[in-house]
């Protein structure tokens, strides 16, 4: 067996108890970044379809959606 592969197997033995956190961390990071990246698009929707057209229903709906997305992003950050 080659040396790097042996070292990797030894490392895997130490990381075995942490399998779930190792797998969840990148997924939670993706969730956090997605939540952050959607915020400007939602603000655009509020401005373009809500404020400029005087449609308060769009403003309230998108604002609440932004709030939920911010909470979900914060939870992803906290759980990471």
Foldseek 3Di string as FASTA:
>chain_A
DDDVVVVVVVVCVVCVVVVVVVVLLVVLVVLLVVLVVCVVVLVVCCVPVPVVVVNVVSNVVSVVVNVVSVVSNVVSVVVD
